[in-house]
């Protein structure tokens, strides 16, 4: 029910999340529900192909340090935000 009401889904990518079958299942549900998935990179670990095919966007907002929070909030508020600024 919550997924239907949401405008988009945030995917926080890290080495741990990349290997989680639960994350992949949730991303699959979001894609099936035709929800935009916004990618937030928590580290520089590589992304795997199966997750990328669900997310559909290799570029994401980096959230490696506190200063990166501004880009994250801008991307959430602005539908035309360009990833990788």
N, C-alpha and C. Protein backbone atom coordinates (compact mmCIF):
# COMPACT_ATOMS: atom_id res chain seq x y z
N UNK A 1 0.83 -1.19 0.00
CA UNK A 1 0.00 0.00 0.00
C UNK A 1 0.87 1.26 0.00
N UNK A 2 1.96 1.26 0.77
CA UNK A 2 2.83 2.44 0.83
C UNK A 2 3.53 2.68 -0.50
N UNK A 3 3.88 1.63 -1.20
CA UNK A 3 4.55 1.77 -2.49
C UNK A 3 3.63 2.46 -3.50
N UNK A 4 2.36 2.12 -3.50
CA UNK A 4 1.42 2.74 -4.42
C UNK A 4 1.29 4.24 -4.19
N UNK A 5 1.41 4.67 -2.95
CA UNK A 5 1.26 6.08 -2.61
C UNK A 5 2.53 6.90 -2.85
N UNK A 6 3.66 6.24 -3.00
CA UNK A 6 4.94 6.95 -3.13
C UNK A 6 5.14 7.50 -4.53
N UNK A 7 5.91 8.59 -4.62
CA UNK A 7 6.26 9.17 -5.92
C UNK A 7 7.50 8.51 -6.49
N UNK A 8 8.41 8.11 -5.63
CA UNK A 8 9.64 7.45 -6.05
C UNK A 8 10.18 6.62 -4.90
N UNK A 9 11.21 5.84 -5.22
CA UNK A 9 11.86 4.97 -4.23
C UNK A 9 13.33 5.35 -4.18
N UNK A 10 13.87 5.43 -2.98
CA UNK A 10 15.30 5.69 -2.80
C UNK A 10 16.03 4.37 -2.66
N UNK A 11 17.10 4.22 -3.42
CA UNK A 11 17.96 3.05 -3.28
C UNK A 11 19.32 3.52 -2.80
N UNK A 12 19.66 3.17 -1.57
CA UNK A 12 20.95 3.51 -0.99
C UNK A 12 21.92 2.39 -1.31
N UNK A 13 22.78 2.64 -2.30
CA UNK A 13 23.72 1.62 -2.76
C UNK A 13 24.99 1.61 -1.91
N UNK A 14 25.34 0.42 -1.46
CA UNK A 14 26.61 0.20 -0.75
C UNK A 14 27.03 -1.23 -1.06
N UNK A 15 28.20 -1.58 -0.60
CA UNK A 15 28.65 -2.96 -0.82
C UNK A 15 27.68 -3.96 -0.20
N UNK A 16 27.16 -3.64 0.98
CA UNK A 16 26.21 -4.55 1.63
C UNK A 16 24.87 -4.62 0.90
N UNK A 17 24.34 -3.47 0.50
CA UNK A 17 23.04 -3.49 -0.17
C UNK A 17 23.12 -4.16 -1.54
N UNK A 18 24.26 -4.01 -2.20
CA UNK A 18 24.43 -4.62 -3.53
C UNK A 18 24.24 -6.13 -3.48
N UNK A 19 24.61 -6.75 -2.40
CA UNK A 19 24.55 -8.21 -2.28
C UNK A 19 23.29 -8.72 -1.58
N UNK A 20 22.36 -7.82 -1.28
CA UNK A 20 21.17 -8.21 -0.54
C UNK A 20 20.03 -8.67 -1.46
N UNK A 21 19.56 -9.91 -1.28
CA UNK A 21 18.42 -10.36 -2.09
C UNK A 21 17.14 -9.59 -1.75
N UNK A 22 17.05 -9.07 -0.52
CA UNK A 22 15.87 -8.32 -0.11
C UNK A 22 15.79 -6.99 -0.87
N UNK A 23 16.94 -6.35 -1.03
CA UNK A 23 16.99 -5.08 -1.77
C UNK A 23 16.56 -5.30 -3.21
N UNK A 24 17.09 -6.34 -3.83
CA UNK A 24 16.73 -6.63 -5.23
C UNK A 24 15.24 -6.91 -5.37
N UNK A 25 14.65 -7.61 -4.41
CA UNK A 25 13.21 -7.90 -4.45
C UNK A 25 12.41 -6.60 -4.32
N UNK A 26 12.84 -5.71 -3.45
CA UNK A 26 12.13 -4.44 -3.28
C UNK A 26 12.28 -3.55 -4.51
N UNK A 27 13.46 -3.53 -5.10
CA UNK A 27 13.65 -2.75 -6.33
C UNK A 27 12.80 -3.32 -7.47
N UNK A 28 12.67 -4.64 -7.53
CA UNK A 28 11.83 -5.27 -8.55
C UNK A 28 10.37 -4.87 -8.37
N UNK A 29 9.91 -4.83 -7.13
CA UNK A 29 8.53 -4.40 -6.86
C UNK A 29 8.32 -2.95 -7.27
N UNK A 30 9.31 -2.11 -6.99
CA UNK A 30 9.21 -0.69 -7.36
C UNK A 30 9.14 -0.54 -8.88
N UNK A 31 9.95 -1.30 -9.58
CA UNK A 31 9.95 -1.22 -11.04
C UNK A 31 8.62 -1.71 -11.61
N UNK A 32 8.11 -2.79 -11.06
CA UNK A 32 6.80 -3.32 -11.50
C UNK A 32 5.69 -2.31 -11.25
N UNK A 33 5.82 -1.54 -10.18
CA UNK A 33 4.82 -0.52 -9.85
C UNK A 33 5.05 0.78 -10.63
N UNK A 34 6.04 0.76 -11.53
CA UNK A 34 6.38 1.90 -12.38
C UNK A 34 6.79 3.13 -11.57
N UNK A 35 7.54 2.89 -10.50
CA UNK A 35 8.05 3.97 -9.66
C UNK A 35 9.46 4.34 -10.10
N UNK A 36 9.75 5.63 -10.09
CA UNK A 36 11.11 6.08 -10.39
C UNK A 36 12.00 5.71 -9.20
N UNK A 37 13.16 5.18 -9.49
CA UNK A 37 14.10 4.79 -8.43
C UNK A 37 15.25 5.78 -8.46
N UNK A 38 15.45 6.47 -7.34
CA UNK A 38 16.55 7.42 -7.22
C UNK A 38 17.70 6.75 -6.50
N UNK A 39 18.86 6.81 -7.12
CA UNK A 39 20.05 6.13 -6.64
C UNK A 39 20.88 7.05 -5.76
N UNK A 40 21.19 6.59 -4.55
CA UNK A 40 22.06 7.31 -3.62
C UNK A 40 23.25 6.40 -3.33
N UNK A 41 24.45 6.87 -3.70
CA UNK A 41 25.66 6.07 -3.53
C UNK A 41 26.29 6.35 -2.17
N UNK A 42 26.41 5.32 -1.34
CA UNK A 42 27.00 5.48 -0.02
C UNK A 42 28.49 5.16 0.01
N UNK A 43 28.96 4.48 -1.01
CA UNK A 43 30.39 4.17 -1.12
C UNK A 43 30.71 3.98 -2.60
N UNK A 44 31.94 3.64 -2.90
CA UNK A 44 32.36 3.51 -4.29
C UNK A 44 32.37 2.06 -4.77
N UNK A 45 31.65 1.20 -4.09
CA UNK A 45 31.60 -0.20 -4.52
C UNK A 45 30.91 -0.29 -5.88
N UNK A 46 31.36 -1.22 -6.72
CA UNK A 46 30.77 -1.34 -8.05
C UNK A 46 29.32 -1.81 -7.97
N UNK A 47 28.56 -1.40 -8.96
CA UNK A 47 27.17 -1.83 -9.04
C UNK A 47 27.08 -3.05 -9.94
N UNK A 48 26.23 -3.98 -9.61
CA UNK A 48 26.10 -5.17 -10.44
C UNK A 48 25.03 -4.94 -11.51
N UNK A 49 25.12 -5.71 -12.58
CA UNK A 49 24.24 -5.51 -13.74
C UNK A 49 22.76 -5.69 -13.38
N UNK A 50 22.44 -6.70 -12.58
CA UNK A 50 21.03 -6.96 -12.28
C UNK A 50 20.39 -5.80 -11.52
N UNK A 51 21.14 -5.20 -10.63
CA UNK A 51 20.61 -4.04 -9.89
C UNK A 51 20.50 -2.84 -10.82
N UNK A 52 21.51 -2.61 -11.65
CA UNK A 52 21.48 -1.50 -12.59
C UNK A 52 20.29 -1.60 -13.55
N UNK A 53 19.95 -2.81 -13.95
CA UNK A 53 18.83 -2.97 -14.87
C UNK A 53 17.52 -2.59 -14.20
N UNK A 54 17.45 -2.73 -12.88
CA UNK A 54 16.25 -2.33 -12.14
C UNK A 54 16.22 -0.82 -11.91
N UNK A 55 17.38 -0.27 -11.54
CA UNK A 55 17.46 1.15 -11.23
C UNK A 55 17.37 1.98 -12.50
N UNK A 56 18.04 1.54 -13.55
CA UNK A 56 17.98 2.23 -14.82
C UNK A 56 18.80 3.50 -14.90
N UNK A 57 19.63 3.75 -13.91
CA UNK A 57 20.43 4.98 -13.91
C UNK A 57 21.75 4.69 -13.22
N UNK A 58 22.84 4.72 -13.98
CA UNK A 58 24.15 4.45 -13.40
C UNK A 58 24.63 5.59 -12.53
N UNK A 59 24.22 6.79 -12.85
CA UNK A 59 24.64 7.94 -12.06
C UNK A 59 23.70 8.12 -10.88
N UNK A 60 24.27 8.46 -9.77
CA UNK A 60 23.46 8.72 -8.60
C UNK A 60 24.04 9.86 -7.82
N UNK A 61 23.39 10.20 -6.77
CA UNK A 61 23.89 11.25 -5.89
C UNK A 61 24.84 10.60 -4.91
N UNK A 62 26.07 11.13 -4.83
CA UNK A 62 27.04 10.60 -3.88
C UNK A 62 26.75 11.17 -2.50
N UNK A 63 26.78 10.28 -1.53
CA UNK A 63 26.58 10.68 -0.14
C UNK A 63 27.73 10.10 0.68
N UNK A 64 28.93 10.53 0.33
CA UNK A 64 30.13 10.02 0.99
C UNK A 64 30.51 10.85 2.20
N UNK A 65 30.13 12.12 2.20
CA UNK A 65 30.49 13.01 3.31
C UNK A 65 29.33 13.97 3.55
N UNK A 66 29.35 14.64 4.65
CA UNK A 66 28.27 15.53 5.07
C UNK A 66 27.95 16.60 4.01
N UNK A 67 28.95 17.11 3.34
CA UNK A 67 28.75 18.16 2.34
C UNK A 67 27.90 17.68 1.16
N UNK A 68 27.81 16.38 0.95
CA UNK A 68 27.03 15.82 -0.15
C UNK A 68 25.52 15.87 0.10
N UNK A 69 25.11 16.19 1.32
CA UNK A 69 23.68 16.21 1.65
C UNK A 69 22.91 17.20 0.79
N UNK A 70 23.52 18.33 0.43
CA UNK A 70 22.84 19.34 -0.37
C UNK A 70 22.38 18.74 -1.71
N UNK A 71 23.27 18.04 -2.40
CA UNK A 71 22.90 17.40 -3.68
C UNK A 71 21.80 16.37 -3.49
N UNK A 72 21.84 15.64 -2.39
CA UNK A 72 20.81 14.64 -2.15
C UNK A 72 19.45 15.31 -2.02
N UNK A 73 19.36 16.35 -1.21
CA UNK A 73 18.08 17.02 -1.02
C UNK A 73 17.61 17.71 -2.30
N UNK A 74 18.52 18.28 -3.05
CA UNK A 74 18.14 18.90 -4.33
C UNK A 74 17.57 17.85 -5.28
N UNK A 75 18.17 16.69 -5.31
CA UNK A 75 17.70 15.63 -6.22
C UNK A 75 16.32 15.13 -5.81
N UNK A 76 16.03 15.14 -4.53
CA UNK A 76 14.73 14.66 -4.06
C UNK A 76 13.62 15.67 -4.34
N UNK A 77 13.95 16.94 -4.29
CA UNK A 77 12.96 17.99 -4.47
C UNK A 77 12.76 18.39 -5.92
N UNK A 78 13.76 18.23 -6.74
CA UNK A 78 13.71 18.69 -8.12
C UNK A 78 13.65 17.51 -9.08
N UNK A 79 12.52 17.29 -9.76
CA UNK A 79 12.42 16.15 -10.67
C UNK A 79 13.35 16.26 -11.88
N UNK A 80 13.87 17.46 -12.15
CA UNK A 80 14.77 17.66 -13.28
C UNK A 80 16.24 17.67 -12.86
N UNK A 81 16.52 17.30 -11.61
CA UNK A 81 17.89 17.30 -11.10
C UNK A 81 18.76 16.40 -11.95
N UNK A 82 19.94 16.87 -12.29
CA UNK A 82 20.88 16.09 -13.10
C UNK A 82 21.86 15.39 -12.16
N UNK A 83 21.85 14.07 -12.16
CA UNK A 83 22.75 13.28 -11.33
C UNK A 83 24.20 13.50 -11.77
N UNK A 84 25.09 13.39 -10.83
CA UNK A 84 26.52 13.45 -11.15
C UNK A 84 27.04 14.86 -11.31
N UNK A 85 26.34 15.85 -10.77
CA UNK A 85 26.82 17.24 -10.82
C UNK A 85 28.16 17.35 -10.15
